[in-house]
Amino acid sequence: MAFKDILVHVDNTPHSRVRLALAAKLAHSQDGHVIALNVRTRPVLPQYIVSQYGGQIDQVRDTFNEQAAREARAAFDTIHPAHGVTTEWRDVEGGLVDNVGLHARYADITIIGQTE
């Protein structure tokens, strides 16, 4: 079975570059398509934190997500696919597990990492 659509979860961690390199190598061997998925999470915070900080917490979270997305995109832009290999960048917002699971349904293989 050929792995034509290769989904890889990317973030701003050092291990994300390893996952991207693996996806690019696999795509090269299969003449595949690399889909990089960055998920901007918005965890639900306890009400006492939200009431204490108000809109500031959303600004901090949005700033962090924006910076993390830029770093992940920069890592994605460094992969140089071989001839015949195409790439795609997806940047979505929501729950990490839900989004990776949803996008994985439409890929032949999914490459994910684990926490340190």
PDB file of N, CA and C in Angstrom:
ATOM      1  N   MET A   1       0.836  -1.180   0.000  1.00  0.00           N
ATOM      2  CA  MET A   1       0.000   0.000   0.000  1.00  0.00           C
ATOM      3  C   MET A   1       0.878   1.239   0.000  1.00  0.00           C
ATOM      4  N   ALA A   2       0.596   2.146  -0.884  1.00  0.00           N
ATOM      5  CA  ALA A   2       1.354   3.385  -0.963  1.00  0.00           C
ATOM      6  C   ALA A   2       0.761   4.424  -0.016  1.00  0.00           C
ATOM      7  N   PHE A   3       1.631   5.186   0.613  1.00  0.00           N
ATOM      8  CA  PHE A   3       1.213   6.274   1.490  1.00  0.00           C
ATOM      9  C   PHE A   3       1.284   7.569   0.695  1.00  0.00           C
ATOM     10  N   LYS A   4       0.193   7.956   0.082  1.00  0.00           N
ATOM     11  CA  LYS A   4       0.182   9.149  -0.766  1.00  0.00           C
ATOM     12  C   LYS A   4      -0.071  10.422   0.024  1.00  0.00           C
ATOM     13  N   ASP A   5      -1.020  10.390   0.961  1.00  0.00           N
ATOM     14  CA  ASP A   5      -1.329  11.561   1.787  1.00  0.00           C
ATOM     15  C   ASP A   5      -0.773  11.328   3.183  1.00  0.00           C
ATOM     16  N   ILE A   6       0.264  12.096   3.529  1.00  0.00           N
ATOM     17  CA  ILE A   6       0.973  11.913   4.795  1.00  0.00           C
ATOM     18  C   ILE A   6       0.725  13.137   5.661  1.00  0.00           C
ATOM     19  N   LEU A   7      -0.050  12.952   6.728  1.00  0.00           N
ATOM     20  CA  LEU A   7      -0.354  14.027   7.664  1.00  0.00           C
ATOM     21  C   LEU A   7       0.677  14.009   8.773  1.00  0.00           C
ATOM     22  N   VAL A   8       1.209  15.167   9.106  1.00  0.00           N
ATOM     23  CA  VAL A   8       2.167  15.273  10.205  1.00  0.00           C
ATOM     24  C   VAL A   8       1.742  16.426  11.104  1.00  0.00           C
ATOM     25  N   HIS A   9       1.633  16.129  12.400  1.00  0.00           N
ATOM     26  CA  HIS A   9       1.299  17.183  13.367  1.00  0.00           C
ATOM     27  C   HIS A   9       2.559  17.998  13.638  1.00  0.00           C
ATOM     28  N   VAL A  10       2.456  19.309  13.468  1.00  0.00           N
ATOM     29  CA  VAL A  10       3.598  20.191  13.718  1.00  0.00           C
ATOM     30  C   VAL A  10       3.265  21.143  14.859  1.00  0.00           C
ATOM     31  N   ASP A  11       4.301  21.540  15.565  1.00  0.00           N
ATOM     32  CA  ASP A  11       4.194  22.537  16.617  1.00  0.00           C
ATOM     33  C   ASP A  11       5.550  23.224  16.723  1.00  0.00           C
ATOM     34  N   ASN A  12       5.772  23.961  17.786  1.00  0.00           N
ATOM     35  CA  ASN A  12       7.031  24.702  17.888  1.00  0.00           C
ATOM     36  C   ASN A  12       8.067  23.997  18.767  1.00  0.00           C
ATOM     37  N   THR A  13       7.972  22.692  18.889  1.00  0.00           N
ATOM     38  CA  THR A  13       8.950  21.933  19.664  1.00  0.00           C
ATOM     39  C   THR A  13      10.077  21.445  18.752  1.00  0.00           C
ATOM     40  N   PRO A  14      11.238  21.156  19.322  1.00  0.00           N
ATOM     41  CA  PRO A  14      12.346  20.646  18.496  1.00  0.00           C
ATOM     42  C   PRO A  14      12.019  19.320  17.813  1.00  0.00           C
ATOM     43  N   HIS A  15      11.194  18.485  18.435  1.00  0.00           N
ATOM     44  CA  HIS A  15      10.853  17.188  17.849  1.00  0.00           C
ATOM     45  C   HIS A  15       9.967  17.321  16.613  1.00  0.00           C
ATOM     46  N   SER A  16       9.351  18.474  16.452  1.00  0.00           N
ATOM     47  CA  SER A  16       8.507  18.687  15.278  1.00  0.00           C
ATOM     48  C   SER A  16       9.339  18.625  13.996  1.00  0.00           C
ATOM     49  N   ARG A  17      10.552  19.124  14.050  1.00  0.00           N
ATOM     50  CA  ARG A  17      11.434  19.066  12.875  1.00  0.00           C
ATOM     51  C   ARG A  17      11.762  17.620  12.507  1.00  0.00           C
ATOM     52  N   VAL A  18      11.901  16.770  13.506  1.00  0.00           N
ATOM     53  CA  VAL A  18      12.173  15.352  13.249  1.00  0.00           C
ATOM     54  C   VAL A  18      10.964  14.717  12.567  1.00  0.00           C
ATOM     55  N   ARG A  19       9.776  15.046  13.059  1.00  0.00           N
ATOM     56  CA  ARG A  19       8.556  14.516  12.434  1.00  0.00           C
ATOM     57  C   ARG A  19       8.428  15.002  10.992  1.00  0.00           C
ATOM     58  N   LEU A  20       8.735  16.264  10.755  1.00  0.00           N
ATOM     59  CA  LEU A  20       8.671  16.797   9.394  1.00  0.00           C
ATOM     60  C   LEU A  20       9.669  16.108   8.469  1.00  0.00           C
ATOM     61  N   ALA A  21      10.875  15.890   8.966  1.00  0.00           N
ATOM     62  CA  ALA A  21      11.888  15.215   8.151  1.00  0.00           C
ATOM     63  C   ALA A  21      11.450  13.784   7.825  1.00  0.00           C
ATOM     64  N   LEU A  22      10.861  13.106   8.793  1.00  0.00           N
ATOM     65  CA  LEU A  22      10.369  11.749   8.554  1.00  0.00           C
ATOM     66  C   LEU A  22       9.256  11.756   7.516  1.00  0.00           C
ATOM     67  N   ALA A  23       8.342  12.708   7.629  1.00  0.00           N
ATOM     68  CA  ALA A  23       7.241  12.800   6.662  1.00  0.00           C
ATOM     69  C   ALA A  23       7.769  13.081   5.259  1.00  0.00           C
ATOM     70  N   ALA A  24       8.754  13.978   5.152  1.00  0.00           N
ATOM     71  CA  ALA A  24       9.326  14.299   3.842  1.00  0.00           C
ATOM     72  C   ALA A  24      10.036  13.089   3.237  1.00  0.00           C
ATOM     73  N   LYS A  25      10.757  12.346   4.073  1.00  0.00           N
ATOM     74  CA  LYS A  25      11.462  11.158   3.587  1.00  0.00           C
ATOM     75  C   LYS A  25      10.467  10.088   3.127  1.00  0.00           C
ATOM     76  N   LEU A  26       9.427   9.893   3.903  1.00  0.00           N
ATOM     77  CA  LEU A  26       8.403   8.918   3.532  1.00  0.00           C
ATOM     78  C   LEU A  26       7.685   9.339   2.256  1.00  0.00           C
ATOM     79  N   ALA A  27       7.369  10.627   2.146  1.00  0.00           N
ATOM     80  CA  ALA A  27       6.704  11.127   0.942  1.00  0.00           C
ATOM     81  C   ALA A  27       7.591  10.948  -0.284  1.00  0.00           C
ATOM     82  N   HIS A  28       8.876  11.171  -0.114  1.00  0.00           N
ATOM     83  CA  HIS A  28       9.809  10.995  -1.227  1.00  0.00           C
ATOM     84  C   HIS A  28       9.818   9.545  -1.712  1.00  0.00           C
ATOM     85  N   SER A  29       9.817   8.616  -0.781  1.00  0.00           N
ATOM     86  CA  SER A  29       9.864   7.206  -1.172  1.00  0.00           C
ATOM     87  C   SER A  29       8.539   6.721  -1.770  1.00  0.00           C
ATOM     88  N   GLN A  30       7.456   7.426  -1.485  1.00  0.00           N
ATOM     89  CA  GLN A  30       6.130   7.002  -1.959  1.00  0.00           C
ATOM     90  C   GLN A  30       5.541   7.954  -3.000  1.00  0.00           C
ATOM     91  N   ASP A  31       6.305   8.969  -3.425  1.00  0.00           N
ATOM     92  CA  ASP A  31       5.768  10.025  -4.288  1.00  0.00           C
ATOM     93  C   ASP A  31       4.494  10.594  -3.694  1.00  0.00           C
ATOM     94  N   GLY A  32       4.580  10.944  -2.424  1.00  0.00           N
ATOM     95  CA  GLY A  32       3.403  11.357  -1.672  1.00  0.00           C
ATOM     96  C   GLY A  32       3.255  12.853  -1.507  1.00  0.00           C
ATOM     97  N   HIS A  33       2.292  13.206  -0.687  1.00  0.00           N
ATOM     98  CA  HIS A  33       1.899  14.584  -0.405  1.00  0.00           C
ATOM     99  C   HIS A  33       1.981  14.791   1.102  1.00  0.00           C
ATOM    100  N   VAL A  34       2.785  15.757   1.556  1.00  0.00           N
ATOM    101  CA  VAL A  34       2.950  16.038   2.981  1.00  0.00           C
ATOM    102  C   VAL A  34       1.961  17.126   3.390  1.00  0.00           C
ATOM    103  N   ILE A  35       1.158  16.820   4.395  1.00  0.00           N
ATOM    104  CA  ILE A  35       0.202  17.784   4.944  1.00  0.00           C
ATOM    105  C   ILE A  35       0.644  18.091   6.370  1.00  0.00           C
ATOM    106  N   ALA A  36       1.080  19.321   6.614  1.00  0.00           N
ATOM    107  CA  ALA A  36       1.490  19.739   7.953  1.00  0.00           C
ATOM    108  C   ALA A  36       0.297  20.372   8.643  1.00  0.00           C
ATOM    109  N   LEU A  37      -0.029  19.896   9.834  1.00  0.00           N
ATOM    110  CA  LEU A  37      -1.186  20.383  10.581  1.00  0.00           C
ATOM    111  C   LEU A  37      -0.730  21.025  11.876  1.00  0.00           C
ATOM    112  N   ASN A  38      -0.974  22.325  12.001  1.00  0.00           N
ATOM    113  CA  ASN A  38      -0.722  23.065  13.233  1.00  0.00           C
ATOM    114  C   ASN A  38      -2.073  23.346  13.882  1.00  0.00           C
ATOM    115  N   VAL A  39      -2.185  23.050  15.166  1.00  0.00           N
ATOM    116  CA  VAL A  39      -3.447  23.267  15.884  1.00  0.00           C
ATOM    117  C   VAL A  39      -3.230  24.320  16.952  1.00  0.00           C
ATOM    118  N   ARG A  40      -4.011  25.388  16.863  1.00  0.00           N
ATOM    119  CA  ARG A  40      -3.990  26.446  17.888  1.00  0.00           C
ATOM    120  C   ARG A  40      -5.024  26.090  18.939  1.00  0.00           C
ATOM    121  N   THR A  41      -4.550  25.661  20.095  1.00  0.00           N
ATOM    122  CA  THR A  41      -5.457  25.191  21.135  1.00  0.00           C
ATOM    123  C   THR A  41      -5.985  26.354  21.973  1.00  0.00           C
ATOM    124  N   ARG A  42      -7.153  26.163  22.510  1.00  0.00           N
ATOM    125  CA  ARG A  42      -7.777  27.127  23.413  1.00  0.00           C
ATOM    126  C   ARG A  42      -8.329  26.346  24.599  1.00  0.00           C
ATOM    127  N   PRO A  43      -7.450  25.981  25.533  1.00  0.00           N
ATOM    128  CA  PRO A  43      -7.919  25.164  26.662  1.00  0.00           C
ATOM    129  C   PRO A  43      -8.944  25.927  27.510  1.00  0.00           C
ATOM    130  N   VAL A  44      -9.859  25.159  28.067  1.00  0.00           N
ATOM    131  CA  VAL A  44     -10.868  25.731  28.948  1.00  0.00           C
ATOM    132  C   VAL A  44     -10.217  25.968  30.298  1.00  0.00           C
ATOM    133  N   LEU A  45     -10.303  27.215  30.767  1.00  0.00           N
ATOM    134  CA  LEU A  45      -9.693  27.582  32.035  1.00  0.00           C
ATOM    135  C   LEU A  45     -10.751  27.656  33.128  1.00  0.00           C
ATOM    136  N   PRO A  46     -10.344  27.435  34.366  1.00  0.00           N
ATOM    137  CA  PRO A  46     -11.298  27.569  35.472  1.00  0.00           C
ATOM    138  C   PRO A  46     -11.867  28.990  35.536  1.00  0.00           C
ATOM    139  N   GLN A  47     -13.095  29.100  35.975  1.00  0.00           N
ATOM    140  CA  GLN A  47     -13.777  30.387  36.000  1.00  0.00           C
ATOM    141  C   GLN A  47     -13.069  31.412  36.876  1.00  0.00           C
ATOM    142  N   TYR A  48     -12.447  30.981  37.979  1.00  0.00           N
ATOM    143  CA  TYR A  48     -11.785  31.944  38.849  1.00  0.00           C
ATOM    144  C   TYR A  48     -10.590  32.603  38.151  1.00  0.00           C
ATOM    145  N   ILE A  49      -9.956  31.914  37.236  1.00  0.00           N
ATOM    146  CA  ILE A  49      -8.853  32.516  36.478  1.00  0.00           C
ATOM    147  C   ILE A  49      -9.407  33.494  35.446  1.00  0.00           C
ATOM    148  N   VAL A  50     -10.453  33.075  34.748  1.00  0.00           N
ATOM    149  CA  VAL A  50     -11.058  33.934  33.732  1.00  0.00           C
ATOM    150  C   VAL A  50     -11.595  35.208  34.364  1.00  0.00           C
ATOM    151  N   SER A  51     -12.245  35.102  35.519  1.00  0.00           N
ATOM    152  CA  SER A  51     -12.807  36.292  36.163  1.00  0.00           C
ATOM    153  C   SER A  51     -11.714  37.217  36.697  1.00  0.00           C
ATOM    154  N   GLN A  52     -10.594  36.666  37.091  1.00  0.00           N
ATOM    155  CA  GLN A  52      -9.507  37.482  37.629  1.00  0.00           C
ATOM    156  C   GLN A  52      -8.771  38.237  36.526  1.00  0.00           C
ATOM    157  N   TYR A  53      -8.564  37.603  35.377  1.00  0.00           N
ATOM    158  CA  TYR A  53      -7.758  38.213  34.322  1.00  0.00           C
ATOM    159  C   TYR A  53      -8.572  38.729  33.143  1.00  0.00           C
ATOM    160  N   GLY A  54      -9.816  38.340  33.053  1.00  0.00           N
ATOM    161  CA  GLY A  54     -10.681  38.846  31.986  1.00  0.00           C
ATOM    162  C   GLY A  54     -10.122  38.578  30.596  1.00  0.00           C
ATOM    163  N   GLY A  55     -10.186  39.596  29.738  1.00  0.00           N
ATOM    164  CA  GLY A  55      -9.744  39.477  28.364  1.00  0.00           C
ATOM    165  C   GLY A  55      -8.241  39.360  28.206  1.00  0.00           C
ATOM    166  N   GLN A  56      -7.493  39.684  29.248  1.00  0.00           N
ATOM    167  CA  GLN A  56      -6.035  39.596  29.157  1.00  0.00           C
ATOM    168  C   GLN A  56      -5.577  38.172  28.892  1.00  0.00           C
ATOM    169  N   ILE A  57      -6.272  37.213  29.485  1.00  0.00           N
ATOM    170  CA  ILE A  57      -5.873  35.820  29.302  1.00  0.00           C
ATOM    171  C   ILE A  57      -6.038  35.402  27.853  1.00  0.00           C
ATOM    172  N   ASP A  58      -7.077  35.908  27.189  1.00  0.00           N
ATOM    173  CA  ASP A  58      -7.272  35.592  25.764  1.00  0.00           C
ATOM    174  C   ASP A  58      -6.177  36.215  24.912  1.00  0.00           C
ATOM    175  N   GLN A  59      -5.765  37.427  25.255  1.00  0.00           N
ATOM    176  CA  GLN A  59      -4.694  38.077  24.503  1.00  0.00           C
ATOM    177  C   GLN A  59      -3.386  37.320  24.653  1.00  0.00           C
ATOM    178  N   VAL A  60      -3.078  36.879  25.850  1.00  0.00           N
ATOM    179  CA  VAL A  60      -1.845  36.120  26.094  1.00  0.00           C
ATOM    180  C   VAL A  60      -1.889  34.802  25.325  1.00  0.00           C
ATOM    181  N   ARG A  61      -3.015  34.130  25.383  1.00  0.00           N
ATOM    182  CA  ARG A  61      -3.165  32.849  24.690  1.00  0.00           C
ATOM    183  C   ARG A  61      -3.057  33.034  23.182  1.00  0.00           C
ATOM    184  N   ASP A  62      -3.698  34.076  22.647  1.00  0.00           N
ATOM    185  CA  ASP A  62      -3.632  34.335  21.205  1.00  0.00           C
ATOM    186  C   ASP A  62      -2.216  34.697  20.764  1.00  0.00           C
ATOM    187  N   THR A  63      -1.514  35.471  21.575  1.00  0.00           N
ATOM    188  CA  THR A  63      -0.129  35.829  21.268  1.00  0.00           C
ATOM    189  C   THR A  63       0.756  34.588  21.256  1.00  0.00           C
ATOM    190  N   PHE A  64       0.579  33.730  22.250  1.00  0.00           N
ATOM    191  CA  PHE A  64       1.359  32.490  22.300  1.00  0.00           C
ATOM    192  C   PHE A  64       1.062  31.617  21.083  1.00  0.00           C
ATOM    193  N   ASN A  65      -0.216  31.446  20.754  1.00  0.00           N
ATOM    194  CA  ASN A  65      -0.588  30.619  19.603  1.00  0.00           C
ATOM    195  C   ASN A  65      -0.037  31.182  18.301  1.00  0.00           C
ATOM    196  N   GLU A  66      -0.051  32.491  18.160  1.00  0.00           N
ATOM    197  CA  GLU A  66       0.470  33.124  16.944  1.00  0.00           C
ATOM    198  C   GLU A  66       1.978  32.892  16.814  1.00  0.00           C
ATOM    199  N   GLN A  67       2.696  33.070  17.915  1.00  0.00           N
ATOM    200  CA  GLN A  67       4.147  32.859  17.899  1.00  0.00           C
ATOM    201  C   GLN A  67       4.481  31.395  17.628  1.00  0.00           C
ATOM    202  N   ALA A  68       3.759  30.486  18.269  1.00  0.00           N
ATOM    203  CA  ALA A  68       4.001  29.058  18.058  1.00  0.00           C
ATOM    204  C   ALA A  68       3.710  28.666  16.607  1.00  0.00           C
ATOM    205  N   ALA A  69       2.659  29.238  16.026  1.00  0.00           N
ATOM    206  CA  ALA A  69       2.324  28.943  14.625  1.00  0.00           C
ATOM    207  C   ALA A  69       3.403  29.460  13.683  1.00  0.00           C
ATOM    208  N   ARG A  70       3.946  30.650  13.973  1.00  0.00           N
ATOM    209  CA  ARG A  70       5.033  31.181  13.137  1.00  0.00           C
ATOM    210  C   ARG A  70       6.260  30.284  13.204  1.00  0.00           C
ATOM    211  N   GLU A  71       6.600  29.808  14.397  1.00  0.00           N
ATOM    212  CA  GLU A  71       7.765  28.934  14.550  1.00  0.00           C
ATOM    213  C   GLU A  71       7.541  27.593  13.847  1.00  0.00           C
ATOM    214  N   ALA A  72       6.340  27.053  13.963  1.00  0.00           N
ATOM    215  CA  ALA A  72       6.035  25.786  13.290  1.00  0.00           C
ATOM    216  C   ALA A  72       6.070  25.961  11.781  1.00  0.00           C
ATOM    217  N   ARG A  73       5.545  27.088  11.293  1.00  0.00           N
ATOM    218  CA  ARG A  73       5.558  27.338   9.846  1.00  0.00           C
ATOM    219  C   ARG A  73       6.988  27.513   9.343  1.00  0.00           C
ATOM    220  N   ALA A  74       7.828  28.166  10.132  1.00  0.00           N
ATOM    221  CA  ALA A  74       9.227  28.336   9.742  1.00  0.00           C
ATOM    222  C   ALA A  74       9.922  26.983   9.623  1.00  0.00           C
ATOM    223  N   ALA A  75       9.625  26.069  10.543  1.00  0.00           N
ATOM    224  CA  ALA A  75      10.204  24.725  10.463  1.00  0.00           C
ATOM    225  C   ALA A  75       9.676  23.996   9.231  1.00  0.00           C
ATOM    226  N   PHE A  76       8.399  24.159   8.940  1.00  0.00           N
ATOM    227  CA  PHE A  76       7.794  23.534   7.764  1.00  0.00           C
ATOM    228  C   PHE A  76       8.417  24.063   6.483  1.00  0.00           C
ATOM    229  N   ASP A  77       8.687  25.354   6.444  1.00  0.00           N
ATOM    230  CA  ASP A  77       9.260  25.967   5.244  1.00  0.00           C
ATOM    231  C   ASP A  77      10.688  25.513   4.965  1.00  0.00           C
ATOM    232  N   THR A  78      11.346  24.910   5.960  1.00  0.00           N
ATOM    233  CA  THR A  78      12.725  24.461   5.749  1.00  0.00           C
ATOM    234  C   THR A  78      12.796  23.108   5.057  1.00  0.00           C
ATOM    235  N   ILE A  79      11.695  22.357   5.038  1.00  0.00           N
ATOM    236  CA  ILE A  79      11.767  21.066   4.343  1.00  0.00           C
ATOM    237  C   ILE A  79      11.715  21.321   2.844  1.00  0.00           C
ATOM    238  N   HIS A  80      12.562  20.631   2.150  1.00  0.00           N
ATOM    239  CA  HIS A  80      12.637  20.784   0.701  1.00  0.00           C
ATOM    240  C   HIS A  80      12.221  19.470   0.065  1.00  0.00           C
ATOM    241  N   PRO A  81      10.966  19.392  -0.343  1.00  0.00           N
ATOM    242  CA  PRO A  81      10.509  18.122  -0.903  1.00  0.00           C
ATOM    243  C   PRO A  81      11.213  17.780  -2.207  1.00  0.00           C
ATOM    244  N   ALA A  82      11.357  16.497  -2.422  1.00  0.00           N
ATOM    245  CA  ALA A  82      11.982  16.019  -3.654  1.00  0.00           C
ATOM    246  C   ALA A  82      11.005  16.169  -4.819  1.00  0.00           C
ATOM    247  N   HIS A  83      11.510  15.926  -6.008  1.00  0.00           N
ATOM    248  CA  HIS A  83      10.686  16.020  -7.201  1.00  0.00           C
ATOM    249  C   HIS A  83       9.470  15.099  -7.085  1.00  0.00           C
ATOM    250  N   GLY A  84       8.303  15.627  -7.369  1.00  0.00           N
ATOM    251  CA  GLY A  84       7.083  14.843  -7.313  1.00  0.00           C
ATOM    252  C   GLY A  84       6.377  14.880  -5.968  1.00  0.00           C
ATOM    253  N   VAL A  85       7.025  15.414  -4.945  1.00  0.00           N
ATOM    254  CA  VAL A  85       6.429  15.502  -3.616  1.00  0.00           C
ATOM    255  C   VAL A  85       5.844  16.895  -3.436  1.00  0.00           C
ATOM    256  N   THR A  86       4.597  16.950  -3.034  1.00  0.00           N
ATOM    257  CA  THR A  86       3.951  18.234  -2.793  1.00  0.00           C
ATOM    258  C   THR A  86       3.720  18.413  -1.297  1.00  0.00           C
ATOM    259  N   THR A  87       3.553  19.663  -0.880  1.00  0.00           N
ATOM    260  CA  THR A  87       3.329  19.956   0.531  1.00  0.00           C
ATOM    261  C   THR A  87       2.109  20.850   0.687  1.00  0.00           C
ATOM    262  N   GLU A  88       1.571  20.823   1.888  1.00  0.00           N
ATOM    263  CA  GLU A  88       0.397  21.637   2.209  1.00  0.00           C
ATOM    264  C   GLU A  88       0.476  22.034   3.679  1.00  0.00           C
ATOM    265  N   TRP A  89       0.114  23.284   3.981  1.00  0.00           N
ATOM    266  CA  TRP A  89       0.107  23.794   5.354  1.00  0.00           C
ATOM    267  C   TRP A  89      -1.331  23.995   5.791  1.00  0.00           C
ATOM    268  N   ARG A  90      -1.672  23.453   6.951  1.00  0.00           N
ATOM    269  CA  ARG A  90      -2.996  23.662   7.542  1.00  0.00           C
ATOM    270  C   ARG A  90      -2.812  24.218   8.942  1.00  0.00           C
ATOM    271  N   ASP A  91      -3.528  25.288   9.232  1.00  0.00           N
ATOM    272  CA  ASP A  91      -3.457  25.963  10.523  1.00  0.00           C
ATOM    273  C   ASP A  91      -4.885  26.103  11.028  1.00  0.00           C
ATOM    274  N   VAL A  92      -5.242  25.325  12.048  1.00  0.00           N
ATOM    275  CA  VAL A  92      -6.610  25.306  12.545  1.00  0.00           C
ATOM    276  C   VAL A  92      -6.639  25.638  14.029  1.00  0.00           C
ATOM    277  N   GLU A  93      -7.817  25.947  14.519  1.00  0.00           N
ATOM    278  CA  GLU A  93      -7.999  26.277  15.931  1.00  0.00           C
ATOM    279  C   GLU A  93      -8.990  25.311  16.546  1.00  0.00           C
ATOM    280  N   GLY A  94      -8.705  24.888  17.766  1.00  0.00           N
ATOM    281  CA  GLY A  94      -9.608  23.982  18.469  1.00  0.00           C
ATOM    282  C   GLY A  94      -8.839  22.987  19.309  1.00  0.00           C
ATOM    283  N   GLY A  95      -9.517  21.906  19.639  1.00  0.00           N
ATOM    284  CA  GLY A  95      -8.896  20.858  20.440  1.00  0.00           C
ATOM    285  C   GLY A  95      -7.868  20.078  19.636  1.00  0.00           C
ATOM    286  N   LEU A  96      -6.749  19.781  20.256  1.00  0.00           N
ATOM    287  CA  LEU A  96      -5.665  19.094  19.568  1.00  0.00           C
ATOM    288  C   LEU A  96      -6.070  17.692  19.120  1.00  0.00           C
ATOM    289  N   VAL A  97      -6.575  16.894  20.034  1.00  0.00           N
ATOM    290  CA  VAL A  97      -6.921  15.513  19.718  1.00  0.00           C
ATOM    291  C   VAL A  97      -8.041  15.465  18.677  1.00  0.00           C
ATOM    292  N   ASP A  98      -9.049  16.296  18.861  1.00  0.00           N
ATOM    293  CA  ASP A  98     -10.174  16.301  17.917  1.00  0.00           C
ATOM    294  C   ASP A  98      -9.733  16.675  16.515  1.00  0.00           C
ATOM    295  N   ASN A  99      -8.909  17.703  16.391  1.00  0.00           N
ATOM    296  CA  ASN A  99      -8.484  18.161  15.067  1.00  0.00           C
ATOM    297  C   ASN A  99      -7.531  17.185  14.393  1.00  0.00           C
ATOM    298  N   VAL A 100      -6.581  16.661  15.130  1.00  0.00           N
ATOM    299  CA  VAL A 100      -5.665  15.690  14.530  1.00  0.00           C
ATOM    300  C   VAL A 100      -6.448  14.449  14.102  1.00  0.00           C
ATOM    301  N   GLY A 101      -7.371  14.008  14.937  1.00  0.00           N
ATOM    302  CA  GLY A 101      -8.190  12.851  14.584  1.00  0.00           C
ATOM    303  C   GLY A 101      -9.043  13.086  13.347  1.00  0.00           C
ATOM    304  N   LEU A 102      -9.618  14.274  13.249  1.00  0.00           N
ATOM    305  CA  LEU A 102     -10.449  14.606  12.090  1.00  0.00           C
ATOM    306  C   LEU A 102      -9.637  14.611  10.796  1.00  0.00           C
ATOM    307  N   HIS A 103      -8.497  15.279  10.811  1.00  0.00           N
ATOM    308  CA  HIS A 103      -7.663  15.358   9.612  1.00  0.00           C
ATOM    309  C   HIS A 103      -7.016  14.008   9.282  1.00  0.00           C
ATOM    310  N   ALA A 104      -6.752  13.197  10.303  1.00  0.00           N
ATOM    311  CA  ALA A 104      -6.138  11.888  10.085  1.00  0.00           C
ATOM    312  C   ALA A 104      -7.075  10.946   9.337  1.00  0.00           C
ATOM    313  N   ARG A 105      -8.363  11.164   9.466  1.00  0.00           N
ATOM    314  CA  ARG A 105      -9.324  10.301   8.761  1.00  0.00           C
ATOM    315  C   ARG A 105      -9.164  10.374   7.249  1.00  0.00           C
ATOM    316  N   TYR A 106      -8.633  11.475   6.764  1.00  0.00           N
ATOM    317  CA  TYR A 106      -8.531  11.689   5.326  1.00  0.00           C
ATOM    318  C   TYR A 106      -7.100  11.540   4.811  1.00  0.00           C
ATOM    319  N   ALA A 107      -6.229  10.978   5.641  1.00  0.00           N
ATOM    320  CA  ALA A 107      -4.838  10.751   5.244  1.00  0.00           C
ATOM    321  C   ALA A 107      -4.555   9.251   5.260  1.00  0.00           C
ATOM    322  N   ASP A 108      -3.536   8.866   4.516  1.00  0.00           N
ATOM    323  CA  ASP A 108      -3.153   7.452   4.502  1.00  0.00           C
ATOM    324  C   ASP A 108      -2.368   7.065   5.738  1.00  0.00           C
ATOM    325  N   ILE A 109      -1.598   8.002   6.270  1.00  0.00           N
ATOM    326  CA  ILE A 109      -0.809   7.758   7.474  1.00  0.00           C
ATOM    327  C   ILE A 109      -0.645   9.089   8.196  1.00  0.00           C
ATOM    328  N   THR A 110      -0.571   9.018   9.524  1.00  0.00           N
ATOM    329  CA  THR A 110      -0.421  10.222  10.329  1.00  0.00           C
ATOM    330  C   THR A 110       0.805  10.065  11.220  1.00  0.00           C
ATOM    331  N   ILE A 111       1.630  11.108  11.257  1.00  0.00           N
ATOM    332  CA  ILE A 111       2.823  11.111  12.086  1.00  0.00           C
ATOM    333  C   ILE A 111       2.588  12.122  13.201  1.00  0.00           C
ATOM    334  N   ILE A 112       2.618  11.625  14.438  1.00  0.00           N
ATOM    335  CA  ILE A 112       2.411  12.493  15.603  1.00  0.00           C
ATOM    336  C   ILE A 112       3.557  12.280  16.566  1.00  0.00           C
ATOM    337  N   GLY A 113       3.693  13.199  17.493  1.00  0.00           N
ATOM    338  CA  GLY A 113       4.742  13.103  18.499  1.00  0.00           C
ATOM    339  C   GLY A 113       4.163  12.737  19.841  1.00  0.00           C
ATOM    340  N   GLN A 114       4.989  12.836  20.833  1.00  0.00           N
ATOM    341  CA  GLN A 114       4.547  12.593  22.201  1.00  0.00           C
ATOM    342  C   GLN A 114       5.190  13.636  23.092  1.00  0.00           C
ATOM    343  N   THR A 115       4.630  13.803  24.264  1.00  0.00           N
ATOM    344  CA  THR A 115       5.182  14.786  25.187  1.00  0.00           C
ATOM    345  C   THR A 115       6.535  14.291  25.698  1.00  0.00           C
ATOM    346  N   GLU A 116       7.330  15.237  26.155  1.00  0.00           N
ATOM    347  CA  GLU A 116       8.635  14.865  26.668  1.00  0.00           C
ATOM    348  C   GLU A 116       8.445  14.367  28.063  1.00  0.00           C
TER     349      GLU A 116
END
